[in-house]
C-alpha atoms as a PDB file:
ATOM      1  CA  MET A   1     -39.197 -22.392   7.815  1.00  0.00           C
ATOM      2  CA  THR A   2     -41.813 -20.729   5.607  1.00  0.00           C
ATOM      3  CA  VAL A   3     -43.790 -17.794   6.947  1.00  0.00           C
ATOM      4  CA  HIS A   4     -47.070 -19.703   6.656  1.00  0.00           C
ATOM      5  CA  ALA A   5     -45.752 -22.943   8.154  1.00  0.00           C
ATOM      6  CA  GLY A   6     -48.407 -22.858  10.874  1.00  0.00           C
ATOM      7  CA  LEU A   7     -51.176 -23.177   8.282  1.00  0.00           C
ATOM      8  CA  ILE A   8     -49.605 -26.121   6.475  1.00  0.00           C
ATOM      9  CA  LYS A   9     -49.982 -29.684   7.712  1.00  0.00           C
ATOM     10  CA  ARG A  10     -47.449 -32.319   6.747  1.00  0.00           C
ATOM     11  CA  GLY A  11     -48.183 -35.949   6.129  1.00  0.00           C
ATOM     12  CA  ARG A  12     -47.221 -39.056   4.204  1.00  0.00           C
ATOM     13  CA  LYS A  13     -48.271 -37.608   0.821  1.00  0.00           C
ATOM     14  CA  PHE A  14     -46.969 -34.086   1.394  1.00  0.00           C
ATOM     15  CA  ASN A  15     -44.113 -34.305  -1.132  1.00  0.00           C
ATOM     16  CA  GLN A  16     -46.422 -36.069  -3.564  1.00  0.00           C
ATOM     17  CA  VAL A  17     -48.763 -33.079  -3.420  1.00  0.00           C
ATOM     18  CA  LEU A  18     -45.873 -30.664  -3.969  1.00  0.00           C
ATOM     19  CA  ASP A  19     -44.645 -32.599  -7.004  1.00  0.00           C
ATOM     20  CA  GLY A  20     -48.108 -32.615  -8.561  1.00  0.00           C
ATOM     21  CA  ALA A  21     -48.612 -28.929  -7.806  1.00  0.00           C
ATOM     22  CA  ARG A  22     -45.266 -27.991  -9.345  1.00  0.00           C
ATOM     23  CA  GLU A  23     -46.163 -29.862 -12.534  1.00  0.00           C
ATOM     24  CA  VAL A  24     -49.490 -28.055 -12.861  1.00  0.00           C
ATOM     25  CA  PHE A  25     -48.305 -24.592 -11.796  1.00  0.00           C
ATOM     26  CA  MET A  26     -45.342 -24.706 -14.162  1.00  0.00           C
ATOM     27  CA  ARG A  27     -47.623 -25.799 -17.002  1.00  0.00           C
ATOM     28  CA  ASP A  28     -50.706 -23.646 -16.371  1.00  0.00           C
ATOM     29  CA  GLY A  29     -49.556 -20.810 -14.112  1.00  0.00           C
ATOM     30  CA  PHE A  30     -51.355 -19.867 -10.920  1.00  0.00           C
ATOM     31  CA  GLU A  31     -54.649 -18.679 -12.369  1.00  0.00           C
ATOM     32  CA  GLY A  32     -54.926 -21.546 -14.826  1.00  0.00           C
ATOM     33  CA  ALA A  33     -54.131 -24.246 -12.267  1.00  0.00           C
ATOM     34  CA  SER A  34     -57.245 -25.827 -10.786  1.00  0.00           C
ATOM     35  CA  VAL A  35     -57.309 -27.718  -7.522  1.00  0.00           C
ATOM     36  CA  ASP A  36     -58.840 -30.644  -9.392  1.00  0.00           C
ATOM     37  CA  ASP A  37     -55.890 -30.734 -11.815  1.00  0.00           C
ATOM     38  CA  ILE A  38     -53.386 -30.516  -8.973  1.00  0.00           C
ATOM     39  CA  ALA A  39     -55.063 -33.332  -7.034  1.00  0.00           C
ATOM     40  CA  ARG A  40     -55.154 -35.441 -10.198  1.00  0.00           C
ATOM     41  CA  ALA A  41     -51.465 -34.829 -10.972  1.00  0.00           C
ATOM     42  CA  ALA A  42     -50.524 -35.602  -7.372  1.00  0.00           C
ATOM     43  CA  GLU A  43     -52.741 -38.696  -7.379  1.00  0.00           C
ATOM     44  CA  VAL A  44     -54.493 -37.668  -4.167  1.00  0.00           C
ATOM     45  CA  SER A  45     -58.029 -36.668  -3.287  1.00  0.00           C
ATOM     46  CA  LYS A  46     -59.009 -33.018  -2.986  1.00  0.00           C
ATOM     47  CA  ALA A  47     -59.671 -33.674   0.683  1.00  0.00           C
ATOM     48  CA  THR A  48     -56.088 -34.848   1.155  1.00  0.00           C
ATOM     49  CA  LEU A  49     -54.754 -31.845  -0.735  1.00  0.00           C
ATOM     50  CA  TYR A  50     -56.787 -29.413   1.379  1.00  0.00           C
ATOM     51  CA  SER A  51     -55.709 -31.191   4.546  1.00  0.00           C
ATOM     52  CA  TYR A  52     -52.135 -30.175   3.754  1.00  0.00           C
ATOM     53  CA  PHE A  53     -52.787 -26.815   2.103  1.00  0.00           C
ATOM     54  CA  PRO A  54     -56.100 -25.110   2.969  1.00  0.00           C
ATOM     55  CA  ASP A  55     -55.476 -22.404   0.349  1.00  0.00           C
ATOM     56  CA  LYS A  56     -54.118 -22.656  -3.201  1.00  0.00           C
ATOM     57  CA  ARG A  57     -51.999 -19.572  -2.557  1.00  0.00           C
ATOM     58  CA  LEU A  58     -50.194 -21.315   0.282  1.00  0.00           C
ATOM     59  CA  LEU A  59     -49.493 -24.277  -1.965  1.00  0.00           C
ATOM     60  CA  PHE A  60     -48.181 -22.001  -4.699  1.00  0.00           C
ATOM     61  CA  ALA A  61     -45.953 -20.151  -2.229  1.00  0.00           C
ATOM     62  CA  GLN A  62     -44.415 -23.410  -1.067  1.00  0.00           C
ATOM     63  CA  VAL A  63     -43.850 -24.582  -4.640  1.00  0.00           C
ATOM     64  CA  ALA A  64     -42.386 -21.193  -5.600  1.00  0.00           C
ATOM     65  CA  GLU A  65     -39.888 -21.274  -2.748  1.00  0.00           C
ATOM     66  CA  ILE A  66     -38.722 -24.755  -3.702  1.00  0.00           C
ATOM     67  CA  GLU A  67     -38.561 -23.839  -7.399  1.00  0.00           C
ATOM     68  CA  CYS A  68     -36.464 -20.728  -6.736  1.00  0.00           C
ATOM     69  CA  HIS A  69     -33.964 -22.804  -4.792  1.00  0.00           C
ATOM     70  CA  ARG A  70     -33.982 -25.492  -7.477  1.00  0.00           C
ATOM     71  CA  GLN A  71     -33.242 -23.018 -10.250  1.00  0.00           C
ATOM     72  CA  ALA A  72     -30.450 -21.402  -8.244  1.00  0.00           C
ATOM     73  CA  GLU A  73     -28.818 -24.764  -7.611  1.00  0.00           C
ATOM     74  CA  GLU A  74     -29.259 -25.768 -11.260  1.00  0.00           C
ATOM     75  CA  ALA A  75     -27.510 -22.587 -12.359  1.00  0.00           C
ATOM     76  CA  LEU A  76     -24.550 -23.439 -10.141  1.00  0.00           C
ATOM     77  CA  GLU A  77     -24.281 -26.845 -11.781  1.00  0.00           C
ATOM     78  CA  VAL A  78     -24.509 -25.469 -15.326  1.00  0.00           C
ATOM     79  CA  ILE A  79     -22.414 -22.313 -15.036  1.00  0.00           C
ATOM     80  CA  ASP A  80     -18.654 -22.796 -14.815  1.00  0.00           C
ATOM     81  CA  MET A  81     -17.720 -20.600 -11.858  1.00  0.00           C
ATOM     82  CA  SER A  82     -14.116 -20.499 -13.060  1.00  0.00           C
ATOM     83  CA  ALA A  83     -15.089 -19.060 -16.459  1.00  0.00           C
ATOM     84  CA  PRO A  84     -14.343 -15.420 -17.398  1.00  0.00           C
ATOM     85  CA  PRO A  85     -16.779 -12.781 -16.073  1.00  0.00           C
ATOM     86  CA  ARG A  86     -18.271 -11.974 -19.471  1.00  0.00           C
ATOM     87  CA  LEU A  87     -19.399 -15.576 -19.986  1.00  0.00           C
ATOM     88  CA  VAL A  88     -20.714 -16.082 -16.459  1.00  0.00           C
ATOM     89  CA  LEU A  89     -22.504 -12.736 -16.254  1.00  0.00           C
ATOM     90  CA  ARG A  90     -24.132 -13.219 -19.642  1.00  0.00           C
ATOM     91  CA  GLU A  91     -25.533 -16.596 -18.593  1.00  0.00           C
ATOM     92  CA  ALA A  92     -26.631 -15.252 -15.205  1.00  0.00           C
ATOM     93  CA  ALA A  93     -28.465 -12.350 -16.839  1.00  0.00           C
ATOM     94  CA  ARG A  94     -30.247 -14.637 -19.286  1.00  0.00           C
ATOM     95  CA  ARG A  95     -31.391 -16.904 -16.483  1.00  0.00           C
ATOM     96  CA  MET A  96     -32.706 -13.977 -14.432  1.00  0.00           C
ATOM     97  CA  ILE A  97     -34.619 -12.597 -17.404  1.00  0.00           C
ATOM     98  CA  ALA A  98     -36.003 -16.033 -18.256  1.00  0.00           C
ATOM     99  CA  PHE A  99     -37.422 -16.360 -14.751  1.00  0.00           C
ATOM    100  CA  ILE A 100     -38.977 -12.917 -14.366  1.00  0.00           C
ATOM    101  CA  THR A 101     -40.610 -13.117 -17.804  1.00  0.00           C
ATOM    102  CA  SER A 102     -41.908 -16.662 -17.319  1.00  0.00           C
ATOM    103  CA  GLU A 103     -45.542 -17.288 -16.465  1.00  0.00           C
ATOM    104  CA  PHE A 104     -44.377 -18.860 -13.236  1.00  0.00           C
ATOM    105  CA  GLY A 105     -42.187 -15.892 -12.324  1.00  0.00           C
ATOM    106  CA  LEU A 106     -44.983 -13.443 -13.092  1.00  0.00           C
ATOM    107  CA  ALA A 107     -47.362 -15.453 -10.920  1.00  0.00           C
ATOM    108  CA  VAL A 108     -44.882 -15.407  -8.040  1.00  0.00           C
ATOM    109  CA  PHE A 109     -44.751 -11.621  -8.107  1.00  0.00           C
ATOM    110  CA  LYS A 110     -48.520 -11.202  -8.458  1.00  0.00           C
ATOM    111  CA  ILE A 111     -49.272 -13.504  -5.533  1.00  0.00           C
ATOM    112  CA  CYS A 112     -46.626 -11.826  -3.417  1.00  0.00           C
ATOM    113  CA  MET A 113     -48.214  -8.421  -4.006  1.00  0.00           C
ATOM    114  CA  ALA A 114     -51.829  -9.563  -3.749  1.00  0.00           C
ATOM    115  CA  GLU A 115     -51.310 -11.449  -0.492  1.00  0.00           C
ATOM    116  CA  SER A 116     -49.092  -8.914   1.287  1.00  0.00           C
ATOM    117  CA  GLY A 117     -51.972  -7.942   3.554  1.00  0.00           C
ATOM    118  CA  ARG A 118     -53.150 -11.448   4.337  1.00  0.00           C
ATOM    119  CA  PHE A 119     -49.652 -12.904   4.681  1.00  0.00           C
ATOM    120  CA  PRO A 120     -47.414  -9.884   5.461  1.00  0.00           C
ATOM    121  CA  GLU A 121     -44.252 -11.998   5.586  1.00  0.00           C
ATOM    122  CA  LEU A 122     -44.857 -13.613   2.224  1.00  0.00           C
ATOM    123  CA  GLY A 123     -42.883 -10.970   0.351  1.00  0.00           C
ATOM    124  CA  LYS A 124     -39.911 -11.515   2.625  1.00  0.00           C
ATOM    125  CA  GLN A 125     -40.093 -15.257   2.004  1.00  0.00           C
ATOM    126  CA  PHE A 126     -40.104 -14.816  -1.764  1.00  0.00           C
ATOM    127  CA  TYR A 127     -37.276 -12.308  -1.569  1.00  0.00           C
ATOM    128  CA  GLU A 128     -35.097 -14.608   0.511  1.00  0.00           C
ATOM    129  CA  SER A 129     -35.732 -17.653  -1.672  1.00  0.00           C
ATOM    130  CA  GLY A 130     -35.418 -15.695  -4.925  1.00  0.00           C
ATOM    131  CA  PRO A 131     -33.550 -12.371  -5.334  1.00  0.00           C
ATOM    132  CA  ALA A 132     -31.547 -12.681  -2.100  1.00  0.00           C
ATOM    133  CA  LEU A 133     -30.388 -16.168  -3.050  1.00  0.00           C
ATOM    134  CA  VAL A 134     -29.404 -15.027  -6.546  1.00  0.00           C
ATOM    135  CA  LYS A 135     -27.524 -12.065  -5.078  1.00  0.00           C
ATOM    136  CA  ALA A 136     -25.609 -14.320  -2.688  1.00  0.00           C
ATOM    137  CA  ARG A 137     -24.623 -16.733  -5.475  1.00  0.00           C
ATOM    138  CA  LEU A 138     -23.608 -13.860  -7.761  1.00  0.00           C
ATOM    139  CA  ALA A 139     -21.613 -12.110  -5.042  1.00  0.00           C
ATOM    140  CA  ASP A 140     -19.791 -15.374  -4.366  1.00  0.00           C
ATOM    141  CA  TYR A 141     -18.751 -15.563  -8.019  1.00  0.00           C
ATOM    142  CA  LEU A 142     -17.685 -11.910  -8.009  1.00  0.00           C
ATOM    143  CA  ASN A 143     -15.488 -12.567  -4.979  1.00  0.00           C
ATOM    144  CA  GLN A 144     -13.828 -15.449  -6.805  1.00  0.00           C
ATOM    145  CA  SER A 145     -13.323 -13.306  -9.886  1.00  0.00           C
ATOM    146  CA  VAL A 146     -11.814 -10.491  -7.818  1.00  0.00           C
ATOM    147  CA  ALA A 147      -9.403 -12.994  -6.264  1.00  0.00           C
ATOM    148  CA  ARG A 148      -8.355 -14.032  -9.781  1.00  0.00           C
ATOM    149  CA  ASN A 149      -7.785 -10.361 -10.657  1.00  0.00           C
ATOM    150  CA  GLU A 150     -10.488 -10.481 -13.335  1.00  0.00           C
ATOM    151  CA  LEU A 151     -12.592  -7.794 -11.658  1.00  0.00           C
ATOM    152  CA  LYS A 152     -11.886  -4.902  -9.301  1.00  0.00           C
ATOM    153  CA  ILE A 153     -14.745  -4.538  -6.807  1.00  0.00           C
ATOM    154  CA  ASP A 154     -14.726  -3.178  -3.249  1.00  0.00           C
ATOM    155  CA  ASP A 155     -18.301  -4.178  -2.353  1.00  0.00           C
ATOM    156  CA  THR A 156     -19.347  -7.363  -4.151  1.00  0.00           C
ATOM    157  CA  ASP A 157     -22.770  -7.508  -2.484  1.00  0.00           C
ATOM    158  CA  PHE A 158     -23.594  -4.057  -3.821  1.00  0.00           C
ATOM    159  CA  ALA A 159     -22.133  -4.888  -7.222  1.00  0.00           C
ATOM    160  CA  ALA A 160     -24.278  -8.026  -7.395  1.00  0.00           C
ATOM    161  CA  GLU A 161     -27.385  -5.919  -6.710  1.00  0.00           C
ATOM    162  CA  GLN A 162     -26.318  -3.488  -9.421  1.00  0.00           C
ATOM    163  CA  PHE A 163     -25.912  -6.249 -11.979  1.00  0.00           C
ATOM    164  CA  MET A 164     -29.303  -7.723 -11.140  1.00  0.00           C
ATOM    165  CA  GLU A 165     -30.931  -4.341 -11.766  1.00  0.00           C
ATOM    166  CA  LEU A 166     -28.970  -3.800 -14.977  1.00  0.00           C
ATOM    167  CA  SER A 167     -30.192  -7.172 -16.206  1.00  0.00           C
ATOM    168  CA  LYS A 168     -33.826  -6.162 -15.737  1.00  0.00           C
ATOM    169  CA  THR A 169     -33.533  -2.645 -17.238  1.00  0.00           C
ATOM    170  CA  TYR A 170     -36.972  -1.827 -18.634  1.00  0.00           C
ATOM    171  CA  ILE A 171     -38.326  -5.362 -18.454  1.00  0.00           C
ATOM    172  CA  HIS A 172     -39.649  -5.239 -14.899  1.00  0.00           C
ATOM    173  CA  PRO A 173     -41.432  -1.852 -15.043  1.00  0.00           C
ATOM    174  CA  ARG A 174     -43.033  -2.711 -18.384  1.00  0.00           C
ATOM    175  CA  ILE A 175     -44.306  -6.002 -16.994  1.00  0.00           C
ATOM    176  CA  LEU A 176     -45.605  -4.389 -13.792  1.00  0.00           C
ATOM    177  CA  CYS A 177     -47.472  -1.715 -15.732  1.00  0.00           C
ATOM    178  CA  GLY A 178     -48.854  -4.198 -18.245  1.00  0.00           C
ATOM    179  CA  VAL A 179     -47.132  -2.418 -21.117  1.00  0.00           C
ATOM    180  CA  GLN A 180     -45.224  -5.458 -22.360  1.00  0.00           C
ATOM    181  CA  ILE A 181     -45.213  -9.080 -21.226  1.00  0.00           C
ATOM    182  CA  THR A 182     -43.160 -10.901 -23.850  1.00  0.00           C
ATOM    183  CA  PHE A 183     -39.717  -9.946 -25.140  1.00  0.00           C
ATOM    184  CA  SER A 184     -38.014 -11.069 -28.331  1.00  0.00           C
ATOM    185  CA  ASP A 185     -34.686 -12.867 -28.432  1.00  0.00           C
ATOM    186  CA  ALA A 186     -33.177  -9.766 -30.002  1.00  0.00           C
ATOM    187  CA  GLU A 187     -34.407  -7.584 -27.140  1.00  0.00           C
ATOM    188  CA  ILE A 188     -33.109  -9.975 -24.519  1.00  0.00           C
ATOM    189  CA  THR A 189     -29.725 -10.220 -26.216  1.00  0.00           C
ATOM    190  CA  LYS A 190     -29.498  -6.423 -26.357  1.00  0.00           C
ATOM    191  CA  ILE A 191     -30.368  -6.146 -22.664  1.00  0.00           C
ATOM    192  CA  VAL A 192     -27.962  -8.897 -21.609  1.00  0.00           C
ATOM    193  CA  ASP A 193     -25.051  -7.577 -23.653  1.00  0.00           C
ATOM    194  CA  GLY A 194     -25.726  -4.019 -22.509  1.00  0.00           C
ATOM    195  CA  ALA A 195     -25.826  -5.046 -18.850  1.00  0.00           C
ATOM    196  CA  VAL A 196     -22.602  -7.034 -19.107  1.00  0.00           C
ATOM    197  CA  ASP A 197     -20.798  -4.322 -21.074  1.00  0.00           C
ATOM    198  CA  MET A 198     -21.787  -1.597 -18.616  1.00  0.00           C
ATOM    199  CA  PHE A 199     -20.880  -3.703 -15.583  1.00  0.00           C
ATOM    200  CA  LEU A 200     -17.476  -4.639 -16.966  1.00  0.00           C
ATOM    201  CA  ALA A 201     -16.785  -1.096 -18.109  1.00  0.00           C
ATOM    202  CA  HIS A 202     -16.906  -0.101 -14.440  1.00  0.00           C
ATOM    203  CA  TYR A 203     -15.572  -3.171 -12.647  1.00  0.00           C
ATOM    204  CA  GLY A 204     -13.509  -4.959 -15.276  1.00  0.00           C
ATOM    205  CA  VAL A 205      -9.743  -4.934 -15.476  1.00  0.00           C
ATOM    206  CA  THR A 206      -7.769  -4.419 -18.648  1.00  0.00           C
ATOM    207  CA  ASN A 207      -7.089  -8.122 -19.251  1.00  0.00           C
ATOM    208  CA  GLU A 208     -10.827  -9.167 -19.033  1.00  0.00           C
END
C-alpha cells in the first residue's frame, strides 16, 4: 500500500487515469505535464481526475512506483540471469544510469525531496519501489553467480549496494548540484566498464 493511500480514491476509471498520466509524465516530465494534458490522455474530465488524485504530486508518486516496478520486471525479462557476471553487471549498470539520468528519474528524486515534509513517508516509498527493489534483484543474481562459482561474495546484499554506488560514481552528485545533467555515451561506457572492472577485481574468481 502506498504511503498516501488515504488521500487517493479508487473508481472505475482509476487505471485509465494512471495510464494517461504515465504517458504524459514520461513524455513531458513532472513540471511539463499539465493536468489538462493528463485528463485528455486519460480521456476523463478534470473533475474525475481530481476525484481520484487531489494533487498532481500524488498522481506522479503513484505512477513512479508502478514505473519502477515495471522497469525492474522488464530488466528481469531482458537480462539472462544465467549469463556471466560481466555481461549481466554491465547491462544492470546501464539500466540504472539510464533511469537516474532520465527526465522521469530526475523528477522522481526532486518530488521525493520537495515533498518530504508534506508526505514524510514518500521517500521511503520511492526507495522501496526503486533502489531497494533493484538491490534485491541484483543480490539475487549475485547469489546465483556465487553458487555457480563465478563470484566469491560473503554478503551479497552489501555487494549489491556497492555495485549500485559504483555505477553512479560522479553522476548522482553532479546531477544533484546542477553541475551536469546529460552524459555522453562515452562517459557512460567509461563509468559502466569501470564499475564492472572494479567490482570483479574484488569479487571475481580467476575463471570469470
